[in-house]
């Protein structure tokens, strides 16, 4: 019996040693400003749901936003790897990524490629004139100016192109949208004025998984 107990304790210790990095990563994401912001926004919307007549959103929009925030909260609580972006658009895609404590840098990600999991993909750059499908409706927006779509840490983003509409489609809603000249944009985010052609013909240089 003592031998079995010792073996069980040993297995638990070994599991703890090997699982510790992923646990540390999960704990770290729940201590970020993004997690605090998502949690607070979700709590406010849940309160709004009880009195939708006092909200600027319709009951349907409230439910959609609650669903998005619940998913974002789940990602931050369970992710064990940095955010990655997968390009399935058929063309070169502009993405933001960083490593360590450096600021997000604009890179060009080749079609069919995924950003390196040693880096963190911060989001996607879309030039003016690009079409973007709304993730919560059937609407398609043609961008009047360039936008940076910020994603949360731990997100596994896939961006593709609809073969019929030509619009970009994201598997997850962005956490924030920054526009050129937007006063809320963090100074570390550079949003250049590029054309669709500039991006699609750029030489891929993003760090990628082999």
Foldseek 3Di string as FASTA:
>chain_A
DVVVVVVVVVVVVVCCVVCVLLQVQLVVLCPDPLVVVLVVVLVVLVVCLVPVVPDPDDNLVSVVSNVQSVVQNVLSNRFRFWEKEAAQAQFKFWWWKAADPAFTDIFIHGHGFMFDRNIHTFWGKDAQQAWAQDPSDRDIDHHNGIKTFGAGTRHHWYWYADPPPRHIYIPGHGPDMDTVPDPPDDPSDDHDRDDPVCRRPDDGDGHTDD
